[in-house]
Amino acid sequence: MHLLPAPLADYTVLSALMFLIGVCGVIVRRNPLVMLMSIELMFNAANLLFVAYARAWLNNAGHIFAFLVITVAAAEAAIGLAIVVVAFRASERVDVDQASALRG
């Protein structure tokens, strides 16, 4: 039994919801780790849309863009996590508003 793929509109709605959840996470939460995870969620929403449209248009450009976004997201996560660890190593409370500690 072969299942038909979901319509393109379903992928678009799911991607928009994922992106909005990520935006709300960046705006509302002040924890840098939660903000990084929210940014990753926004990247994954864009990847979902890239791959869905690549399948609908029968070309590989969406897959290539998704691979590039995954690569950038991995670098962003590694560098962002390193900055968070260095900046907030000595403090007991982690808050983005305390980023003035990064000044040299």
Protein backbone atom coordinates (compact mmCIF):
# COMPACT_ATOMS: atom_id res chain seq x y z
CA MET A 1 0.00 0.00 0.00
CA HIS A 2 1.54 3.29 -1.12
CA LEU A 3 0.73 6.41 0.85
CA LEU A 4 0.44 9.70 -0.96
CA PRO A 5 2.60 12.58 0.30
CA ALA A 6 0.95 15.43 2.14
CA PRO A 7 0.01 18.49 0.09
CA LEU A 8 2.53 21.31 -0.13
CA ALA A 9 0.24 23.61 1.87
CA ASP A 10 0.52 21.28 4.89
CA TYR A 11 4.31 21.54 4.83
CA THR A 12 4.07 25.31 4.49
CA VAL A 13 1.73 25.63 7.48
CA LEU A 14 3.89 23.32 9.60
CA SER A 15 7.01 25.26 8.66
CA ALA A 16 5.34 28.58 9.50
CA LEU A 17 4.24 27.27 12.90
CA MET A 18 7.73 25.97 13.66
CA PHE A 19 9.23 29.31 12.63
CA LEU A 20 6.77 31.27 14.80
CA ILE A 21 7.53 29.05 17.81
CA GLY A 22 11.21 29.76 17.25
CA VAL A 23 10.63 33.52 16.99
CA CYS A 24 8.57 33.47 20.20
CA GLY A 25 11.35 31.53 21.93
CA VAL A 26 13.95 34.12 20.92
CA ILE A 27 11.77 37.08 21.92
CA VAL A 28 10.27 35.78 25.16
CA ARG A 29 13.05 33.74 26.76
CA ARG A 30 16.22 35.38 28.04
CA ASN A 31 18.25 32.21 28.53
CA PRO A 32 20.95 32.03 25.85
CA LEU A 33 20.71 28.26 25.48
CA VAL A 34 16.97 28.45 24.89
CA MET A 35 17.57 31.25 22.41
CA LEU A 36 20.09 29.09 20.51
CA MET A 37 17.62 26.20 20.41
CA SER A 38 14.93 28.57 19.12
CA ILE A 39 17.23 29.75 16.35
CA GLU A 40 17.91 26.11 15.45
CA LEU A 41 14.14 25.56 15.30
CA MET A 42 13.83 28.45 12.85
CA PHE A 43 16.62 26.97 10.72
CA ASN A 44 14.85 23.60 10.70
CA ALA A 45 11.59 25.27 9.64
CA ALA A 46 13.38 26.77 6.67
CA ASN A 47 14.94 23.38 5.87
CA LEU A 48 11.52 21.72 5.90
CA LEU A 49 10.24 24.27 3.43
CA PHE A 50 13.31 23.94 1.19
CA VAL A 51 12.95 20.16 1.00
CA ALA A 52 9.17 20.27 0.52
CA TYR A 53 9.42 22.67 -2.40
CA ALA A 54 12.34 20.73 -3.88
CA ARG A 55 10.18 17.63 -3.91
CA ALA A 56 7.24 19.49 -5.43
CA TRP A 57 9.35 21.07 -8.19
CA LEU A 58 11.42 17.93 -8.79
CA ASN A 59 14.82 19.57 -8.53
CA ASN A 60 17.68 19.27 -6.06
CA ALA A 61 18.22 22.95 -5.27
CA GLY A 62 16.17 22.74 -2.06
CA HIS A 63 18.21 19.80 -0.83
CA ILE A 64 21.45 21.66 -1.49
CA PHE A 65 20.20 24.76 0.36
CA ALA A 66 19.03 22.60 3.27
CA PHE A 67 22.47 20.98 3.47
CA LEU A 68 24.10 24.43 3.53
CA VAL A 69 21.72 25.62 6.26
CA ILE A 70 22.49 22.52 8.35
CA THR A 71 26.22 23.23 7.96
CA VAL A 72 25.82 26.85 9.04
CA ALA A 73 23.58 25.80 11.94
CA ALA A 74 26.19 23.36 13.22
CA ALA A 75 28.88 26.04 13.14
CA GLU A 76 26.53 28.54 14.79
CA ALA A 77 25.67 26.10 17.54
CA ALA A 78 29.31 25.28 18.29
CA ILE A 79 30.48 28.90 18.34
CA GLY A 80 27.39 30.15 20.16
CA LEU A 81 27.67 27.50 22.84
CA ALA A 82 31.37 28.28 23.31
CA ILE A 83 30.59 31.99 23.75
CA VAL A 84 27.84 31.22 26.26
CA VAL A 85 30.10 28.93 28.28
CA VAL A 86 32.96 31.46 28.38
CA ALA A 87 30.72 34.44 29.12
CA PHE A 88 28.73 32.87 31.90
CA ARG A 89 31.24 30.50 33.47
CA ALA A 90 31.66 32.49 36.67
CA SER A 91 28.09 33.73 37.07
CA GLU A 92 25.40 31.78 38.84
CA ARG A 93 22.51 33.13 36.80
CA VAL A 94 22.56 33.03 33.01
CA ASP A 95 20.83 36.01 31.38
CA VAL A 96 21.34 37.54 27.96
CA ASP A 97 21.04 41.04 29.39
CA GLN A 98 24.31 40.44 31.27
CA ALA A 99 26.25 40.29 28.00
CA SER A 100 28.12 43.44 28.99
CA ALA A 101 30.58 41.04 30.65
CA LEU A 102 31.93 40.29 27.16
CA ARG A 103 33.57 43.70 26.95
CA GLY A 104 37.33 43.53 27.19
